[in-house]
Amino acid sequence: MIRALVTLLVVAPLAVAAPPSKGTEAKSPLTLEASLSGTGDGGRVAFLSVRLVAAGDAVVMTERLTAVVEQTETKSTVTLRPADRKDAKGRSVIPIASALGGVSLRPDEVASVTVPNTADVHNVTSAAAAGKVELTVVYEVPDAWAKRFGLTAAEARGVATIAEPKEKPADRRP
């Protein structure tokens, strides 16, 4: 009996400490598509559209996200995540769940995300639409928010593409 216990104690930690195999990594339930419309030149506004595409069942947050902008000379990143608001005493201000714009998705369904309209986001999207920088958009919902509000904890990222402008109707004057 002692011999079996010693064997168990020696073998069990090895089994727990074994690294996961490369083929067992969890696949994200979401992918992100981002596109820019408008040129961002000459005072014209460039709009950033963000869509979350479900690879499996997921519940995503589409409203009340904050945008964190990081920039270099050639690349910029806009990270969309739940806003962490505090009151004057430093306590967390928790939003009402319905204000988060929770959307239940099934595979191959899409939800549009509202991107905060801040000066930093405007500057980055204008530069990207003008072809001056590459823009990556990241959507992330941490475990704590997912558990609290019934969302899917996930991170999805994508490089923004420039949408082709719609053709103007032809002038019909003779």
N, C-alpha and C. Protein backbone atom coordinates (compact mmCIF):
# COMPACT_ATOMS: atom_id res chain seq x y z
N MET A 1 0.82 -1.18 0.00
CA MET A 1 0.00 0.00 0.00
C MET A 1 0.88 1.25 0.00
N ILE A 2 1.92 1.27 0.79
CA ILE A 2 2.82 2.41 0.84
C ILE A 2 3.50 2.57 -0.51
N ARG A 3 3.87 1.44 -1.12
CA ARG A 3 4.53 1.48 -2.42
C ARG A 3 3.60 2.10 -3.46
N ALA A 4 2.31 1.77 -3.45
CA ALA A 4 1.33 2.33 -4.39
C ALA A 4 1.17 3.82 -4.15
N LEU A 5 1.16 4.26 -2.90
CA LEU A 5 1.02 5.67 -2.55
C LEU A 5 2.23 6.46 -3.03
N VAL A 6 3.44 5.91 -2.84
CA VAL A 6 4.66 6.58 -3.29
C VAL A 6 4.65 6.69 -4.81
N THR A 7 4.24 5.63 -5.49
CA THR A 7 4.17 5.66 -6.95
C THR A 7 3.18 6.73 -7.41
N LEU A 8 2.04 6.81 -6.75
CA LEU A 8 1.03 7.80 -7.09
C LEU A 8 1.57 9.22 -6.89
N LEU A 9 2.25 9.46 -5.80
CA LEU A 9 2.79 10.79 -5.51
C LEU A 9 3.89 11.19 -6.49
N VAL A 10 4.65 10.24 -6.98
CA VAL A 10 5.73 10.54 -7.92
C VAL A 10 5.17 10.75 -9.33
N VAL A 11 4.22 9.94 -9.76
CA VAL A 11 3.69 10.00 -11.11
C VAL A 11 2.67 11.12 -11.28
N ALA A 12 1.84 11.39 -10.28
CA ALA A 12 0.78 12.39 -10.40
C ALA A 12 1.31 13.78 -10.74
N PRO A 13 2.36 14.30 -10.08
CA PRO A 13 2.83 15.63 -10.45
C PRO A 13 3.36 15.68 -11.88
N LEU A 14 3.92 14.61 -12.38
CA LEU A 14 4.41 14.60 -13.74
C LEU A 14 3.26 14.73 -14.73
N ALA A 15 2.15 14.08 -14.44
CA ALA A 15 1.00 14.14 -15.33
C ALA A 15 0.40 15.55 -15.32
N VAL A 16 0.35 16.20 -14.17
CA VAL A 16 -0.22 17.53 -14.07
C VAL A 16 0.68 18.55 -14.74
N ALA A 17 1.99 18.38 -14.62
CA ALA A 17 2.93 19.37 -15.13
C ALA A 17 3.21 19.21 -16.62
N ALA A 18 2.69 18.19 -17.25
CA ALA A 18 2.96 17.97 -18.67
C ALA A 18 2.35 19.11 -19.48
N PRO A 19 3.10 19.67 -20.43
CA PRO A 19 2.57 20.77 -21.24
C PRO A 19 1.47 20.28 -22.18
N PRO A 20 0.52 21.15 -22.49
CA PRO A 20 -0.53 20.73 -23.41
C PRO A 20 0.05 20.53 -24.81
N SER A 21 -0.53 19.61 -25.52
CA SER A 21 -0.04 19.36 -26.88
C SER A 21 -0.43 20.54 -27.76
N LYS A 22 0.32 20.75 -28.83
CA LYS A 22 0.11 21.90 -29.70
C LYS A 22 -1.25 21.89 -30.37
N GLY A 23 -1.82 20.75 -30.61
CA GLY A 23 -3.11 20.66 -31.30
C GLY A 23 -4.31 20.90 -30.41
N THR A 24 -4.11 21.09 -29.09
CA THR A 24 -5.25 21.23 -28.19
C THR A 24 -5.51 22.67 -27.77
N GLU A 25 -4.85 23.65 -28.41
CA GLU A 25 -5.08 25.04 -28.05
C GLU A 25 -6.52 25.41 -28.39
N ALA A 26 -7.15 26.17 -27.48
CA ALA A 26 -8.54 26.56 -27.69
C ALA A 26 -8.63 27.60 -28.81
N LYS A 27 -9.57 27.40 -29.71
CA LYS A 27 -9.79 28.32 -30.81
C LYS A 27 -10.76 29.39 -30.34
N SER A 28 -10.50 30.63 -30.69
CA SER A 28 -11.37 31.73 -30.30
C SER A 28 -12.74 31.55 -30.94
N PRO A 29 -13.82 31.83 -30.18
CA PRO A 29 -15.15 31.70 -30.75
C PRO A 29 -15.51 32.87 -31.68
N LEU A 30 -14.59 33.84 -31.82
CA LEU A 30 -14.87 35.03 -32.62
C LEU A 30 -13.73 35.39 -33.54
N THR A 31 -14.08 36.00 -34.66
CA THR A 31 -13.10 36.68 -35.49
C THR A 31 -13.59 38.12 -35.62
N LEU A 32 -12.68 39.00 -35.99
CA LEU A 32 -13.02 40.41 -36.07
C LEU A 32 -12.74 40.92 -37.48
N GLU A 33 -13.71 41.65 -38.02
CA GLU A 33 -13.55 42.31 -39.31
C GLU A 33 -13.67 43.80 -39.07
N ALA A 34 -12.72 44.56 -39.59
CA ALA A 34 -12.76 46.02 -39.44
C ALA A 34 -12.54 46.65 -40.81
N SER A 35 -13.30 47.71 -41.08
CA SER A 35 -13.12 48.41 -42.35
C SER A 35 -13.23 49.91 -42.12
N LEU A 36 -12.54 50.64 -42.98
CA LEU A 36 -12.53 52.10 -42.95
C LEU A 36 -13.24 52.62 -44.18
N SER A 37 -14.11 53.59 -43.99
CA SER A 37 -14.74 54.25 -45.14
C SER A 37 -14.46 55.73 -45.02
N GLY A 38 -14.32 56.39 -46.13
CA GLY A 38 -13.91 57.79 -46.14
C GLY A 38 -12.40 57.83 -46.31
N THR A 39 -11.90 58.98 -46.67
CA THR A 39 -10.47 59.07 -46.96
C THR A 39 -9.65 59.60 -45.81
N GLY A 40 -10.26 60.40 -44.93
CA GLY A 40 -9.49 60.99 -43.85
C GLY A 40 -8.67 62.17 -44.33
N ASP A 41 -8.74 62.52 -45.62
CA ASP A 41 -8.00 63.65 -46.18
C ASP A 41 -8.89 64.87 -46.29
N GLY A 42 -8.27 66.03 -46.24
CA GLY A 42 -8.99 67.28 -46.49
C GLY A 42 -10.17 67.52 -45.57
N GLY A 43 -10.08 67.08 -44.32
CA GLY A 43 -11.16 67.31 -43.38
C GLY A 43 -12.31 66.33 -43.50
N ARG A 44 -12.24 65.41 -44.46
CA ARG A 44 -13.30 64.41 -44.60
C ARG A 44 -13.18 63.39 -43.47
N VAL A 45 -14.29 62.93 -43.00
CA VAL A 45 -14.32 62.02 -41.87
C VAL A 45 -14.11 60.58 -42.33
N ALA A 46 -13.30 59.86 -41.61
CA ALA A 46 -13.11 58.43 -41.86
C ALA A 46 -13.86 57.67 -40.76
N PHE A 47 -14.66 56.69 -41.15
CA PHE A 47 -15.44 55.91 -40.20
C PHE A 47 -14.85 54.51 -40.07
N LEU A 48 -14.78 54.04 -38.82
CA LEU A 48 -14.31 52.69 -38.53
C LEU A 48 -15.51 51.82 -38.22
N SER A 49 -15.70 50.77 -39.01
CA SER A 49 -16.76 49.80 -38.76
C SER A 49 -16.13 48.52 -38.25
N VAL A 50 -16.68 47.98 -37.16
CA VAL A 50 -16.15 46.76 -36.56
C VAL A 50 -17.28 45.75 -36.45
N ARG A 51 -17.01 44.53 -36.94
CA ARG A 51 -17.97 43.44 -36.87
C ARG A 51 -17.33 42.23 -36.21
N LEU A 52 -18.08 41.59 -35.34
CA LEU A 52 -17.63 40.35 -34.72
C LEU A 52 -18.35 39.20 -35.41
N VAL A 53 -17.58 38.22 -35.86
CA VAL A 53 -18.14 37.07 -36.57
C VAL A 53 -17.96 35.85 -35.68
N ALA A 54 -19.05 35.15 -35.43
CA ALA A 54 -19.01 34.00 -34.54
C ALA A 54 -18.53 32.75 -35.27
N ALA A 55 -17.57 32.07 -34.66
CA ALA A 55 -17.12 30.77 -35.17
C ALA A 55 -17.88 29.65 -34.44
N GLY A 56 -18.48 30.00 -33.32
CA GLY A 56 -19.29 29.09 -32.51
C GLY A 56 -20.28 29.94 -31.76
N ASP A 57 -21.04 29.35 -30.85
CA ASP A 57 -21.98 30.13 -30.05
C ASP A 57 -21.21 31.12 -29.18
N ALA A 58 -21.66 32.37 -29.16
CA ALA A 58 -20.99 33.40 -28.37
C ALA A 58 -21.99 34.50 -28.01
N VAL A 59 -21.75 35.15 -26.89
CA VAL A 59 -22.52 36.33 -26.50
C VAL A 59 -21.52 37.46 -26.41
N VAL A 60 -21.73 38.48 -27.24
CA VAL A 60 -20.76 39.57 -27.34
C VAL A 60 -21.34 40.88 -26.84
N MET A 61 -20.46 41.77 -26.46
CA MET A 61 -20.80 43.11 -26.00
C MET A 61 -20.59 44.06 -27.17
N THR A 62 -21.61 44.87 -27.51
CA THR A 62 -21.49 45.75 -28.66
C THR A 62 -21.56 47.23 -28.29
N GLU A 63 -21.89 47.55 -27.06
CA GLU A 63 -22.03 48.94 -26.62
C GLU A 63 -21.20 49.16 -25.35
N ARG A 64 -21.01 50.42 -25.01
CA ARG A 64 -20.32 50.82 -23.78
C ARG A 64 -18.89 50.30 -23.68
N LEU A 65 -18.24 50.19 -24.82
CA LEU A 65 -16.83 49.80 -24.83
C LEU A 65 -15.99 51.07 -24.79
N THR A 66 -14.81 50.95 -24.24
CA THR A 66 -13.85 52.05 -24.27
C THR A 66 -12.80 51.71 -25.31
N ALA A 67 -12.22 52.73 -25.90
CA ALA A 67 -11.19 52.53 -26.93
C ALA A 67 -9.85 53.01 -26.39
N VAL A 68 -8.89 52.10 -26.38
CA VAL A 68 -7.53 52.43 -25.98
C VAL A 68 -6.69 52.44 -27.24
N VAL A 69 -6.05 53.58 -27.52
CA VAL A 69 -5.29 53.75 -28.76
C VAL A 69 -3.80 53.72 -28.46
N GLU A 70 -3.08 52.89 -29.22
CA GLU A 70 -1.62 52.83 -29.14
C GLU A 70 -1.09 53.10 -30.54
N GLN A 71 -0.04 53.94 -30.63
CA GLN A 71 0.46 54.35 -31.94
C GLN A 71 1.97 54.26 -32.03
N THR A 72 2.42 53.92 -33.24
CA THR A 72 3.82 54.09 -33.62
C THR A 72 3.78 54.85 -34.94
N GLU A 73 4.91 55.03 -35.57
CA GLU A 73 4.92 55.78 -36.84
C GLU A 73 4.19 55.05 -37.96
N THR A 74 4.25 53.71 -37.96
CA THR A 74 3.67 52.97 -39.07
C THR A 74 2.49 52.07 -38.69
N LYS A 75 2.27 51.86 -37.41
CA LYS A 75 1.20 50.98 -36.97
C LYS A 75 0.44 51.60 -35.80
N SER A 76 -0.86 51.34 -35.79
CA SER A 76 -1.70 51.79 -34.69
C SER A 76 -2.63 50.66 -34.29
N THR A 77 -3.02 50.66 -33.02
CA THR A 77 -3.95 49.66 -32.51
C THR A 77 -5.05 50.36 -31.72
N VAL A 78 -6.28 49.98 -32.00
CA VAL A 78 -7.42 50.43 -31.21
C VAL A 78 -7.95 49.19 -30.50
N THR A 79 -7.87 49.19 -29.17
CA THR A 79 -8.37 48.07 -28.38
C THR A 79 -9.71 48.45 -27.77
N LEU A 80 -10.74 47.67 -28.08
CA LEU A 80 -12.08 47.88 -27.56
C LEU A 80 -12.31 46.92 -26.42
N ARG A 81 -12.58 47.47 -25.23
CA ARG A 81 -12.80 46.64 -24.05
C ARG A 81 -13.84 47.31 -23.16
N PRO A 82 -14.41 46.56 -22.22
CA PRO A 82 -15.39 47.17 -21.31
C PRO A 82 -14.76 48.33 -20.55
N ALA A 83 -15.55 49.38 -20.39
CA ALA A 83 -15.07 50.55 -19.67
C ALA A 83 -15.03 50.27 -18.17
N ASP A 84 -13.91 50.59 -17.56
CA ASP A 84 -13.75 50.43 -16.11
C ASP A 84 -13.90 51.81 -15.48
N ARG A 85 -15.13 52.13 -15.08
CA ARG A 85 -15.42 53.45 -14.53
C ARG A 85 -15.40 53.41 -13.01
N LYS A 86 -14.93 54.51 -12.42
CA LYS A 86 -14.86 54.64 -10.95
C LYS A 86 -15.62 55.89 -10.54
N ASP A 87 -16.19 55.86 -9.32
CA ASP A 87 -16.82 57.06 -8.79
C ASP A 87 -15.78 57.89 -8.04
N ALA A 88 -16.21 58.98 -7.42
CA ALA A 88 -15.30 59.90 -6.72
C ALA A 88 -14.57 59.23 -5.56
N LYS A 89 -15.13 58.15 -5.04
CA LYS A 89 -14.50 57.43 -3.91
C LYS A 89 -13.67 56.24 -4.38
N GLY A 90 -13.52 56.07 -5.71
CA GLY A 90 -12.72 54.99 -6.24
C GLY A 90 -13.43 53.66 -6.38
N ARG A 91 -14.74 53.65 -6.17
CA ARG A 91 -15.51 52.41 -6.29
C ARG A 91 -15.89 52.17 -7.74
N SER A 92 -15.95 50.92 -8.14
CA SER A 92 -16.36 50.58 -9.51
C SER A 92 -17.82 50.92 -9.73
N VAL A 93 -18.11 51.55 -10.84
CA VAL A 93 -19.48 51.86 -11.25
C VAL A 93 -19.87 50.79 -12.26
N ILE A 94 -20.81 49.95 -11.90
CA ILE A 94 -21.21 48.81 -12.73
C ILE A 94 -22.41 49.22 -13.59
N PRO A 95 -22.30 49.02 -14.92
CA PRO A 95 -23.41 49.41 -15.81
C PRO A 95 -24.55 48.40 -15.74
N ILE A 96 -25.71 48.85 -16.16
CA ILE A 96 -26.85 47.95 -16.27
C ILE A 96 -26.57 47.00 -17.45
N ALA A 97 -26.88 45.74 -17.28
CA ALA A 97 -26.54 44.73 -18.28
C ALA A 97 -27.13 45.04 -19.65
N SER A 98 -28.36 45.56 -19.69
CA SER A 98 -29.00 45.83 -20.98
C SER A 98 -28.29 46.95 -21.75
N ALA A 99 -27.53 47.80 -21.06
CA ALA A 99 -26.82 48.90 -21.73
C ALA A 99 -25.57 48.41 -22.46
N LEU A 100 -25.15 47.17 -22.22
CA LEU A 100 -23.94 46.64 -22.84
C LEU A 100 -24.16 46.16 -24.27
N GLY A 101 -25.40 46.11 -24.70
CA GLY A 101 -25.69 45.68 -26.07
C GLY A 101 -25.32 44.23 -26.31
N GLY A 102 -25.62 43.35 -25.35
CA GLY A 102 -25.30 41.93 -25.50
C GLY A 102 -26.05 41.31 -26.67
N VAL A 103 -25.30 40.60 -27.52
CA VAL A 103 -25.89 39.94 -28.68
C VAL A 103 -25.48 38.47 -28.66
N SER A 104 -26.46 37.58 -28.74
CA SER A 104 -26.19 36.14 -28.81
C SER A 104 -25.99 35.76 -30.27
N LEU A 105 -24.83 35.19 -30.55
CA LEU A 105 -24.50 34.80 -31.92
C LEU A 105 -24.37 33.29 -32.04
N ARG A 106 -24.73 32.80 -33.19
CA ARG A 106 -24.49 31.41 -33.57
C ARG A 106 -23.42 31.43 -34.66
N PRO A 107 -22.88 30.27 -35.01
CA PRO A 107 -21.83 30.25 -36.04
C PRO A 107 -22.24 30.99 -37.32
N ASP A 108 -21.29 31.76 -37.83
CA ASP A 108 -21.44 32.54 -39.07
C ASP A 108 -22.44 33.69 -38.96
N GLU A 109 -22.79 34.10 -37.75
CA GLU A 109 -23.60 35.30 -37.56
C GLU A 109 -22.67 36.44 -37.17
N VAL A 110 -23.12 37.67 -37.41
CA VAL A 110 -22.29 38.85 -37.24
C VAL A 110 -22.99 39.87 -36.36
N ALA A 111 -22.21 40.55 -35.51
CA ALA A 111 -22.73 41.66 -34.71
C ALA A 111 -21.86 42.88 -34.95
N SER A 112 -22.49 44.03 -35.12
CA SER A 112 -21.77 45.29 -35.29
C SER A 112 -21.46 45.88 -33.93
N VAL A 113 -20.25 46.40 -33.79
CA VAL A 113 -19.79 46.98 -32.54
C VAL A 113 -19.77 48.49 -32.68
N THR A 114 -20.26 49.20 -31.67
CA THR A 114 -20.21 50.65 -31.66
C THR A 114 -18.83 51.07 -31.18
N VAL A 115 -18.11 51.79 -32.04
CA VAL A 115 -16.77 52.26 -31.71
C VAL A 115 -16.90 53.65 -31.09
N PRO A 116 -16.30 53.86 -29.91
CA PRO A 116 -16.38 55.19 -29.29
C PRO A 116 -15.82 56.27 -30.21
N ASN A 117 -16.51 57.40 -30.25
CA ASN A 117 -16.10 58.51 -31.10
C ASN A 117 -15.25 59.48 -30.29
N THR A 118 -13.96 59.17 -30.18
CA THR A 118 -13.04 60.03 -29.44
C THR A 118 -12.05 60.66 -30.41
N ALA A 119 -11.37 61.69 -29.95
CA ALA A 119 -10.37 62.36 -30.79
C ALA A 119 -9.25 61.39 -31.18
N ASP A 120 -8.81 60.55 -30.24
CA ASP A 120 -7.75 59.59 -30.53
C ASP A 120 -8.17 58.60 -31.61
N VAL A 121 -9.39 58.09 -31.51
CA VAL A 121 -9.89 57.15 -32.52
C VAL A 121 -10.01 57.86 -33.86
N HIS A 122 -10.53 59.07 -33.87
CA HIS A 122 -10.66 59.83 -35.11
C HIS A 122 -9.30 60.04 -35.77
N ASN A 123 -8.30 60.43 -35.01
CA ASN A 123 -6.97 60.68 -35.56
C ASN A 123 -6.36 59.41 -36.17
N VAL A 124 -6.50 58.30 -35.48
CA VAL A 124 -5.94 57.04 -35.96
C VAL A 124 -6.68 56.54 -37.20
N THR A 125 -8.01 56.61 -37.19
CA THR A 125 -8.76 56.13 -38.35
C THR A 125 -8.51 57.01 -39.56
N SER A 126 -8.37 58.32 -39.36
CA SER A 126 -8.07 59.22 -40.48
C SER A 126 -6.70 58.90 -41.08
N ALA A 127 -5.71 58.67 -40.23
CA ALA A 127 -4.37 58.32 -40.71
C ALA A 127 -4.39 56.99 -41.45
N ALA A 128 -5.14 56.02 -40.94
CA ALA A 128 -5.21 54.70 -41.58
C ALA A 128 -5.95 54.80 -42.92
N ALA A 129 -7.05 55.56 -42.96
CA ALA A 129 -7.81 55.70 -44.20
C ALA A 129 -6.99 56.41 -45.27
N ALA A 130 -6.10 57.31 -44.84
CA ALA A 130 -5.24 58.02 -45.79
C ALA A 130 -4.03 57.18 -46.19
N GLY A 131 -3.90 55.97 -45.63
CA GLY A 131 -2.80 55.07 -45.98
C GLY A 131 -1.49 55.37 -45.27
N LYS A 132 -1.55 56.14 -44.20
CA LYS A 132 -0.33 56.54 -43.49
C LYS A 132 0.11 55.51 -42.45
N VAL A 133 -0.83 54.74 -41.91
CA VAL A 133 -0.52 53.72 -40.90
C VAL A 133 -1.38 52.49 -41.15
N GLU A 134 -0.91 51.35 -40.62
CA GLU A 134 -1.72 50.13 -40.61
C GLU A 134 -2.48 50.13 -39.30
N LEU A 135 -3.78 49.86 -39.35
CA LEU A 135 -4.62 49.89 -38.16
C LEU A 135 -5.09 48.49 -37.80
N THR A 136 -4.77 48.06 -36.59
CA THR A 136 -5.26 46.79 -36.04
C THR A 136 -6.31 47.11 -34.99
N VAL A 137 -7.41 46.39 -35.03
CA VAL A 137 -8.47 46.56 -34.05
C VAL A 137 -8.55 45.29 -33.21
N VAL A 138 -8.62 45.47 -31.89
CA VAL A 138 -8.69 44.36 -30.95
C VAL A 138 -9.97 44.51 -30.13
N TYR A 139 -10.72 43.42 -29.98
CA TYR A 139 -11.90 43.36 -29.11
C TYR A 139 -11.56 42.40 -28.00
N GLU A 140 -11.73 42.82 -26.76
CA GLU A 140 -11.45 41.89 -25.66
C GLU A 140 -12.44 42.06 -24.52
N VAL A 141 -12.92 40.93 -24.04
CA VAL A 141 -13.78 40.88 -22.87
C VAL A 141 -13.12 39.95 -21.87
N PRO A 142 -12.69 40.48 -20.71
CA PRO A 142 -12.02 39.64 -19.72
C PRO A 142 -12.99 38.68 -19.02
N ASP A 143 -12.42 37.66 -18.40
CA ASP A 143 -13.23 36.64 -17.70
C ASP A 143 -14.18 37.25 -16.68
N ALA A 144 -13.73 38.23 -15.90
CA ALA A 144 -14.56 38.82 -14.85
C ALA A 144 -15.84 39.43 -15.44
N TRP A 145 -15.70 40.15 -16.54
CA TRP A 145 -16.88 40.74 -17.18
C TRP A 145 -17.76 39.66 -17.78
N ALA A 146 -17.14 38.66 -18.39
CA ALA A 146 -17.91 37.59 -19.01
C ALA A 146 -18.77 36.86 -17.97
N LYS A 147 -18.18 36.54 -16.84
CA LYS A 147 -18.92 35.83 -15.79
C LYS A 147 -20.03 36.69 -15.21
N ARG A 148 -19.74 37.95 -14.97
CA ARG A 148 -20.71 38.84 -14.34
C ARG A 148 -21.92 39.09 -15.22
N PHE A 149 -21.70 39.27 -16.55
CA PHE A 149 -22.78 39.68 -17.45
C PHE A 149 -23.23 38.61 -18.44
N GLY A 150 -22.72 37.39 -18.32
CA GLY A 150 -23.14 36.32 -19.22
C GLY A 150 -22.60 36.47 -20.63
N LEU A 151 -21.41 37.07 -20.75
CA LEU A 151 -20.77 37.27 -22.05
C LEU A 151 -19.76 36.16 -22.31
N THR A 152 -19.26 36.11 -23.51
CA THR A 152 -18.19 35.17 -23.85
C THR A 152 -16.86 35.89 -23.64
N ALA A 153 -16.02 35.31 -22.80
CA ALA A 153 -14.68 35.86 -22.59
C ALA A 153 -13.87 35.55 -23.85
N ALA A 154 -13.40 36.59 -24.51
CA ALA A 154 -12.70 36.36 -25.77
C ALA A 154 -11.83 37.54 -26.13
N GLU A 155 -10.88 37.26 -27.01
CA GLU A 155 -10.11 38.31 -27.66
C GLU A 155 -10.11 37.99 -29.14
N ALA A 156 -10.41 39.01 -29.93
CA ALA A 156 -10.38 38.87 -31.39
C ALA A 156 -9.68 40.10 -31.94
N ARG A 157 -8.94 39.91 -33.03
CA ARG A 157 -8.23 41.03 -33.63
C ARG A 157 -8.25 40.91 -35.14
N GLY A 158 -8.14 42.06 -35.77
CA GLY A 158 -8.11 42.09 -37.23
C GLY A 158 -7.52 43.39 -37.71
N VAL A 159 -6.94 43.36 -38.90
CA VAL A 159 -6.38 44.56 -39.51
C VAL A 159 -7.49 45.22 -40.32
N ALA A 160 -7.66 46.52 -40.13
CA ALA A 160 -8.71 47.26 -40.83
C ALA A 160 -8.37 47.38 -42.31
N THR A 161 -9.36 47.14 -43.13
CA THR A 161 -9.21 47.30 -44.58
C THR A 161 -9.94 48.57 -45.00
N ILE A 162 -9.53 49.14 -46.10
CA ILE A 162 -10.18 50.33 -46.61
C ILE A 162 -11.30 49.90 -47.54
N ALA A 163 -12.52 50.31 -47.20
CA ALA A 163 -13.68 49.94 -48.00
C ALA A 163 -13.66 50.71 -49.31
N GLU A 164 -14.03 50.04 -50.36
CA GLU A 164 -14.11 50.69 -51.67
C GLU A 164 -15.25 51.69 -51.65
N PRO A 165 -15.00 52.91 -52.14
CA PRO A 165 -16.09 53.90 -52.15
C PRO A 165 -17.19 53.47 -53.11
N LYS A 166 -18.41 53.78 -52.72
CA LYS A 166 -19.54 53.46 -53.59
C LYS A 166 -19.52 54.45 -54.76
N GLU A 167 -19.85 53.93 -55.93
CA GLU A 167 -19.84 54.79 -57.10
C GLU A 167 -20.98 55.79 -57.01
N LYS A 168 -20.69 57.01 -57.45
CA LYS A 168 -21.73 58.04 -57.50
C LYS A 168 -22.60 57.77 -58.72
N PRO A 169 -23.90 58.07 -58.62
CA PRO A 169 -24.75 57.87 -59.79
C PRO A 169 -24.30 58.78 -60.94
N ALA A 170 -24.44 58.27 -62.12
CA ALA A 170 -24.03 59.04 -63.31
C ALA A 170 -24.93 60.25 -63.47
N ASP A 171 -24.35 61.33 -63.95
CA ASP A 171 -25.10 62.54 -64.21
C ASP A 171 -26.00 62.29 -65.42
N ARG A 172 -27.30 62.50 -65.27
CA ARG A 172 -28.24 62.17 -66.35
C ARG A 172 -28.60 63.37 -67.20
N ARG A 173 -27.93 64.50 -67.03
CA ARG A 173 -28.23 65.65 -67.87
C ARG A 173 -27.73 65.43 -69.29
N PRO A 174 -28.51 65.89 -70.29
CA PRO A 174 -28.09 65.71 -71.70
C PRO A 174 -26.91 66.57 -72.08
